[in-house]
Amino acid sequence: MNTAQVEYIGLSNERILENKTKADGITRKSSLYKNISLILFVVLTTVFSVIILYGYLNIAKQNRKINTLNSEILSLKTERDNYNIKLEPYKSVDRIAKLAKLNYNMDFPKKDQIKYLDKLK
């Protein structure tokens, strides 16, 4: 081989190494960048999905707490109403007057015991 052929082969090999491409024309460098960007996209999507799901989980927990508290409020209101119903006979004016007469010898005032005061102008 002569010198020109050796130089041509050397230059051809260098060009081939520089332009090493795949079958679809993508170089190794651009393929690496595309793979990294794809992996980064998948990781970011996964992270955001986990964050969103965590938020929904917290919302579900708070809803469960709210429902529990609402049911507790309802049961306490029912219990209060039951106690008010049981207490109602003890609050009647007739019963109180009867107990006052029997236990404490109290009676309504008579007409001569009532005194009216005039309001000064």
N, C-alpha and C. Protein backbone atom coordinates (compact mmCIF):
# COMPACT_ATOMS: atom_id res chain seq x y z
N MET A 1 0.84 -1.15 0.00
CA MET A 1 0.00 0.00 0.00
C MET A 1 0.89 1.23 0.00
N ASN A 2 0.34 2.15 -0.68
CA ASN A 2 1.13 3.37 -0.72
C ASN A 2 0.71 4.32 0.39
N THR A 3 1.38 5.38 0.51
CA THR A 3 1.18 6.34 1.58
C THR A 3 -0.20 6.99 1.49
N ALA A 4 -0.64 7.28 0.33
CA ALA A 4 -1.94 7.92 0.15
C ALA A 4 -3.05 7.00 0.64
N GLN A 5 -2.93 5.73 0.34
CA GLN A 5 -3.96 4.78 0.76
C GLN A 5 -3.98 4.64 2.29
N VAL A 6 -2.81 4.61 2.92
CA VAL A 6 -2.71 4.50 4.37
C VAL A 6 -3.32 5.73 5.03
N GLU A 7 -3.03 6.91 4.50
CA GLU A 7 -3.60 8.13 5.05
C GLU A 7 -5.12 8.13 4.89
N TYR A 8 -5.60 7.68 3.74
CA TYR A 8 -7.05 7.64 3.48
C TYR A 8 -7.74 6.68 4.46
N ILE A 9 -7.13 5.51 4.65
CA ILE A 9 -7.71 4.53 5.58
C ILE A 9 -7.69 5.09 7.00
N GLY A 10 -6.61 5.75 7.39
CA GLY A 10 -6.51 6.34 8.73
C GLY A 10 -7.57 7.41 8.94
N LEU A 11 -7.75 8.27 7.92
CA LEU A 11 -8.76 9.31 8.03
C LEU A 11 -10.16 8.72 8.04
N SER A 12 -10.38 7.70 7.26
CA SER A 12 -11.69 7.05 7.21
C SER A 12 -12.03 6.41 8.56
N ASN A 13 -11.04 5.75 9.17
CA ASN A 13 -11.27 5.14 10.48
C ASN A 13 -11.59 6.20 11.54
N GLU A 14 -10.91 7.34 11.50
CA GLU A 14 -11.18 8.42 12.45
C GLU A 14 -12.58 8.96 12.27
N ARG A 15 -12.99 9.15 11.02
CA ARG A 15 -14.34 9.65 10.75
C ARG A 15 -15.40 8.65 11.21
N ILE A 16 -15.13 7.41 11.01
CA ILE A 16 -16.08 6.38 11.43
C ILE A 16 -16.21 6.38 12.95
N LEU A 17 -15.08 6.51 13.64
CA LEU A 17 -15.12 6.53 15.10
C LEU A 17 -15.83 7.79 15.61
N GLU A 18 -15.61 8.92 14.93
CA GLU A 18 -16.25 10.16 15.35
C GLU A 18 -17.76 10.10 15.14
N ASN A 19 -18.14 9.56 14.03
CA ASN A 19 -19.55 9.54 13.67
C ASN A 19 -20.19 8.19 13.94
N LYS A 20 -19.71 7.51 14.96
CA LYS A 20 -20.25 6.20 15.31
C LYS A 20 -21.74 6.36 15.57
N THR A 21 -22.57 5.84 14.75
CA THR A 21 -24.02 5.99 14.87
C THR A 21 -24.67 4.64 14.91
N LYS A 22 -25.88 4.65 15.42
CA LYS A 22 -26.68 3.45 15.42
C LYS A 22 -27.40 3.36 14.08
N ALA A 23 -28.21 2.36 13.96
CA ALA A 23 -28.90 2.14 12.69
C ALA A 23 -29.88 3.26 12.38
N ASP A 24 -30.51 3.88 13.42
CA ASP A 24 -31.49 4.93 13.16
C ASP A 24 -30.84 6.31 13.09
N GLY A 25 -29.55 6.42 13.15
CA GLY A 25 -28.86 7.68 12.97
C GLY A 25 -28.65 8.46 14.25
N ILE A 26 -28.86 7.87 15.42
CA ILE A 26 -28.68 8.55 16.70
C ILE A 26 -27.28 8.24 17.21
N THR A 27 -26.59 9.28 17.61
CA THR A 27 -25.24 9.07 18.13
C THR A 27 -25.32 8.57 19.56
N ARG A 28 -24.23 8.07 20.06
CA ARG A 28 -24.20 7.54 21.42
C ARG A 28 -24.45 8.64 22.44
N LYS A 29 -23.91 9.83 22.19
CA LYS A 29 -24.08 10.94 23.12
C LYS A 29 -25.56 11.33 23.24
N SER A 30 -26.21 11.50 22.10
CA SER A 30 -27.62 11.91 22.16
C SER A 30 -28.48 10.79 22.74
N SER A 31 -28.11 9.54 22.49
CA SER A 31 -28.84 8.42 23.06
C SER A 31 -28.70 8.43 24.58
N LEU A 32 -27.52 8.74 25.10
CA LEU A 32 -27.29 8.82 26.54
C LEU A 32 -28.14 9.93 27.16
N TYR A 33 -28.18 11.09 26.51
CA TYR A 33 -28.99 12.19 27.01
C TYR A 33 -30.48 11.84 27.01
N LYS A 34 -30.91 11.16 25.98
CA LYS A 34 -32.32 10.76 25.91
C LYS A 34 -32.64 9.75 27.01
N ASN A 35 -31.75 8.81 27.27
CA ASN A 35 -31.98 7.83 28.33
C ASN A 35 -32.01 8.50 29.70
N ILE A 36 -31.09 9.42 29.93
CA ILE A 36 -31.05 10.13 31.21
C ILE A 36 -32.33 10.95 31.39
N SER A 37 -32.74 11.66 30.34
CA SER A 37 -33.95 12.47 30.45
C SER A 37 -35.19 11.59 30.65
N LEU A 38 -35.23 10.42 30.02
CA LEU A 38 -36.34 9.51 30.22
C LEU A 38 -36.39 8.99 31.65
N ILE A 39 -35.25 8.60 32.17
CA ILE A 39 -35.17 8.11 33.55
C ILE A 39 -35.55 9.22 34.52
N LEU A 40 -35.06 10.43 34.28
CA LEU A 40 -35.40 11.57 35.13
C LEU A 40 -36.90 11.85 35.09
N PHE A 41 -37.50 11.78 33.92
CA PHE A 41 -38.94 11.98 33.78
C PHE A 41 -39.72 10.93 34.55
N VAL A 42 -39.31 9.68 34.46
CA VAL A 42 -40.00 8.60 35.17
C VAL A 42 -39.87 8.79 36.68
N VAL A 43 -38.68 9.16 37.14
CA VAL A 43 -38.46 9.36 38.58
C VAL A 43 -39.31 10.53 39.09
N LEU A 44 -39.31 11.66 38.36
CA LEU A 44 -40.10 12.81 38.77
C LEU A 44 -41.59 12.50 38.77
N THR A 45 -42.04 11.78 37.77
CA THR A 45 -43.45 11.39 37.71
C THR A 45 -43.81 10.50 38.89
N THR A 46 -42.94 9.58 39.23
CA THR A 46 -43.18 8.69 40.37
C THR A 46 -43.22 9.49 41.68
N VAL A 47 -42.28 10.41 41.83
CA VAL A 47 -42.23 11.22 43.06
C VAL A 47 -43.50 12.06 43.20
N PHE A 48 -43.91 12.73 42.12
CA PHE A 48 -45.12 13.54 42.18
C PHE A 48 -46.35 12.68 42.43
N SER A 49 -46.39 11.50 41.86
CA SER A 49 -47.53 10.59 42.10
C SER A 49 -47.59 10.18 43.56
N VAL A 50 -46.45 9.89 44.15
CA VAL A 50 -46.41 9.51 45.57
C VAL A 50 -46.86 10.68 46.44
N ILE A 51 -46.43 11.88 46.11
CA ILE A 51 -46.82 13.07 46.88
C ILE A 51 -48.33 13.28 46.78
N ILE A 52 -48.89 13.16 45.60
CA ILE A 52 -50.33 13.34 45.42
C ILE A 52 -51.11 12.26 46.17
N LEU A 53 -50.65 11.03 46.09
CA LEU A 53 -51.33 9.94 46.80
C LEU A 53 -51.25 10.14 48.31
N TYR A 54 -50.13 10.65 48.80
CA TYR A 54 -49.99 10.94 50.22
C TYR A 54 -50.99 12.01 50.65
N GLY A 55 -51.17 13.03 49.80
CA GLY A 55 -52.16 14.06 50.09
C GLY A 55 -53.56 13.49 50.17
N TYR A 56 -53.91 12.62 49.23
CA TYR A 56 -55.24 11.99 49.26
C TYR A 56 -55.39 11.10 50.50
N LEU A 57 -54.32 10.46 50.91
CA LEU A 57 -54.36 9.63 52.11
C LEU A 57 -54.66 10.49 53.34
N ASN A 58 -54.02 11.66 53.43
CA ASN A 58 -54.28 12.56 54.55
C ASN A 58 -55.71 13.07 54.53
N ILE A 59 -56.23 13.36 53.33
CA ILE A 59 -57.61 13.82 53.22
C ILE A 59 -58.56 12.72 53.69
N ALA A 60 -58.28 11.49 53.31
CA ALA A 60 -59.13 10.37 53.74
C ALA A 60 -59.10 10.20 55.26
N LYS A 61 -57.92 10.35 55.87
CA LYS A 61 -57.80 10.25 57.33
C LYS A 61 -58.62 11.35 58.01
N GLN A 62 -58.52 12.57 57.50
CA GLN A 62 -59.25 13.69 58.09
C GLN A 62 -60.76 13.49 57.94
N ASN A 63 -61.19 12.97 56.80
CA ASN A 63 -62.62 12.68 56.61
C ASN A 63 -63.11 11.63 57.60
N ARG A 64 -62.27 10.62 57.83
CA ARG A 64 -62.63 9.59 58.80
C ARG A 64 -62.76 10.18 60.20
N LYS A 65 -61.83 11.07 60.57
CA LYS A 65 -61.90 11.73 61.88
C LYS A 65 -63.16 12.58 61.99
N ILE A 66 -63.47 13.32 60.92
CA ILE A 66 -64.65 14.18 60.92
C ILE A 66 -65.92 13.34 61.09
N ASN A 67 -66.00 12.24 60.37
CA ASN A 67 -67.17 11.37 60.48
C ASN A 67 -67.30 10.79 61.89
N THR A 68 -66.17 10.41 62.48
CA THR A 68 -66.19 9.89 63.84
C THR A 68 -66.67 10.95 64.83
N LEU A 69 -66.16 12.17 64.68
CA LEU A 69 -66.56 13.26 65.58
C LEU A 69 -68.03 13.62 65.38
N ASN A 70 -68.50 13.60 64.14
CA ASN A 70 -69.92 13.90 63.89
C ASN A 70 -70.83 12.85 64.53
N SER A 71 -70.43 11.60 64.44
CA SER A 71 -71.25 10.56 65.08
C SER A 71 -71.21 10.70 66.60
N GLU A 72 -70.06 11.09 67.15
CA GLU A 72 -69.96 11.30 68.59
C GLU A 72 -70.82 12.49 69.02
N ILE A 73 -70.82 13.55 68.22
CA ILE A 73 -71.66 14.71 68.51
C ILE A 73 -73.13 14.31 68.51
N LEU A 74 -73.52 13.53 67.54
CA LEU A 74 -74.91 13.08 67.44
C LEU A 74 -75.31 12.24 68.67
N SER A 75 -74.43 11.33 69.07
CA SER A 75 -74.75 10.51 70.25
C SER A 75 -74.81 11.35 71.52
N LEU A 76 -73.94 12.36 71.66
CA LEU A 76 -73.98 13.23 72.84
C LEU A 76 -75.24 14.09 72.85
N LYS A 77 -75.67 14.56 71.67
CA LYS A 77 -76.91 15.34 71.61
C LYS A 77 -78.11 14.47 72.01
N THR A 78 -78.10 13.23 71.54
CA THR A 78 -79.18 12.31 71.90
C THR A 78 -79.18 12.06 73.41
N GLU A 79 -78.01 11.87 73.98
CA GLU A 79 -77.91 11.64 75.42
C GLU A 79 -78.39 12.87 76.20
N ARG A 80 -78.02 14.06 75.74
CA ARG A 80 -78.47 15.30 76.39
C ARG A 80 -79.99 15.43 76.33
N ASP A 81 -80.56 15.12 75.17
CA ASP A 81 -82.03 15.18 75.04
C ASP A 81 -82.71 14.19 75.98
N ASN A 82 -82.14 13.00 76.11
CA ASN A 82 -82.71 12.01 77.03
C ASN A 82 -82.66 12.51 78.47
N TYR A 83 -81.56 13.13 78.87
CA TYR A 83 -81.47 13.68 80.22
C TYR A 83 -82.45 14.82 80.42
N ASN A 84 -82.63 15.65 79.40
CA ASN A 84 -83.60 16.75 79.51
C ASN A 84 -85.02 16.21 79.67
N ILE A 85 -85.32 15.13 78.97
CA ILE A 85 -86.65 14.52 79.09
C ILE A 85 -86.83 13.95 80.49
N LYS A 86 -85.80 13.32 81.03
CA LYS A 86 -85.89 12.78 82.39
C LYS A 86 -85.99 13.88 83.43
N LEU A 87 -85.39 15.04 83.16
CA LEU A 87 -85.36 16.16 84.10
C LEU A 87 -86.65 16.97 84.06
N GLU A 88 -87.38 16.90 83.00
CA GLU A 88 -88.57 17.74 82.80
C GLU A 88 -89.59 17.65 83.95
N PRO A 89 -89.94 16.47 84.45
CA PRO A 89 -90.93 16.44 85.56
C PRO A 89 -90.44 17.16 86.81
N TYR A 90 -89.16 17.20 87.03
CA TYR A 90 -88.63 17.83 88.23
C TYR A 90 -88.62 19.36 88.13
N LYS A 91 -88.81 19.90 86.94
CA LYS A 91 -88.77 21.35 86.75
C LYS A 91 -90.16 21.99 86.77
N SER A 92 -91.20 21.22 86.94
CA SER A 92 -92.55 21.80 86.89
C SER A 92 -92.78 22.68 88.12
N VAL A 93 -93.49 23.78 87.92
CA VAL A 93 -93.74 24.75 88.98
C VAL A 93 -94.62 24.14 90.07
N ASP A 94 -95.61 23.35 89.68
CA ASP A 94 -96.50 22.73 90.67
C ASP A 94 -95.74 21.81 91.62
N ARG A 95 -94.85 21.03 91.10
CA ARG A 95 -94.06 20.11 91.92
C ARG A 95 -93.17 20.88 92.89
N ILE A 96 -92.53 21.94 92.40
CA ILE A 96 -91.65 22.75 93.25
C ILE A 96 -92.45 23.42 94.37
N ALA A 97 -93.63 23.93 94.05
CA ALA A 97 -94.47 24.57 95.07
C ALA A 97 -94.92 23.55 96.10
N LYS A 98 -95.26 22.35 95.65
CA LYS A 98 -95.71 21.30 96.58
C LYS A 98 -94.57 20.90 97.52
N LEU A 99 -93.35 20.72 96.96
CA LEU A 99 -92.20 20.37 97.81
C LEU A 99 -91.87 21.48 98.79
N ALA A 100 -92.01 22.73 98.36
CA ALA A 100 -91.72 23.87 99.24
C ALA A 100 -92.70 23.90 100.41
N LYS A 101 -93.96 23.62 100.15
CA LYS A 101 -94.96 23.62 101.22
C LYS A 101 -94.72 22.47 102.19
N LEU A 102 -94.42 21.28 101.66
CA LEU A 102 -94.26 20.10 102.52
C LEU A 102 -92.95 20.14 103.31
N ASN A 103 -91.86 20.40 102.64
CA ASN A 103 -90.55 20.28 103.29
C ASN A 103 -90.14 21.53 104.06
N TYR A 104 -90.53 22.71 103.59
CA TYR A 104 -90.02 23.95 104.19
C TYR A 104 -91.13 24.82 104.77
N ASN A 105 -92.33 24.32 104.82
CA ASN A 105 -93.47 25.07 105.33
C ASN A 105 -93.62 26.42 104.64
N MET A 106 -93.31 26.47 103.40
CA MET A 106 -93.43 27.70 102.64
C MET A 106 -94.84 27.77 102.06
N ASP A 107 -95.31 29.00 101.88
CA ASP A 107 -96.61 29.20 101.28
C ASP A 107 -96.56 30.51 100.51
N PHE A 108 -97.55 30.69 99.66
CA PHE A 108 -97.62 31.94 98.92
C PHE A 108 -97.98 33.06 99.89
N PRO A 109 -97.50 34.26 99.66
CA PRO A 109 -97.80 35.35 100.61
C PRO A 109 -99.29 35.73 100.58
N LYS A 110 -99.78 36.15 101.73
CA LYS A 110 -101.17 36.59 101.82
C LYS A 110 -101.23 38.06 101.46
N LYS A 111 -102.43 38.56 101.29
CA LYS A 111 -102.58 39.95 100.84
C LYS A 111 -102.02 40.95 101.85
N ASP A 112 -102.12 40.65 103.10
CA ASP A 112 -101.61 41.61 104.10
C ASP A 112 -100.09 41.56 104.21
N GLN A 113 -99.47 40.53 103.65
CA GLN A 113 -98.00 40.44 103.68
C GLN A 113 -97.37 41.14 102.47
N ILE A 114 -98.16 41.50 101.50
CA ILE A 114 -97.63 42.12 100.28
C ILE A 114 -97.60 43.62 100.48
N LYS A 115 -96.51 44.22 100.18
CA LYS A 115 -96.36 45.67 100.25
C LYS A 115 -95.87 46.14 98.89
N TYR A 116 -96.49 47.21 98.43
CA TYR A 116 -96.10 47.80 97.16
C TYR A 116 -95.31 49.06 97.41
N LEU A 117 -94.28 49.25 96.67
CA LEU A 117 -93.46 50.45 96.82
C LEU A 117 -93.70 51.37 95.64
N ASP A 118 -93.86 52.65 95.96
CA ASP A 118 -94.02 53.61 94.87
C ASP A 118 -92.66 53.99 94.34
N LYS A 119 -92.64 54.15 93.10
CA LYS A 119 -91.40 54.53 92.43
C LYS A 119 -91.29 56.06 92.49
N LEU A 120 -90.18 56.57 92.97
CA LEU A 120 -89.98 58.01 93.06
C LEU A 120 -89.56 58.55 91.70
N LYS A 121 -90.15 59.72 91.44
CA LYS A 121 -89.82 60.34 90.16
C LYS A 121 -88.67 61.26 90.26
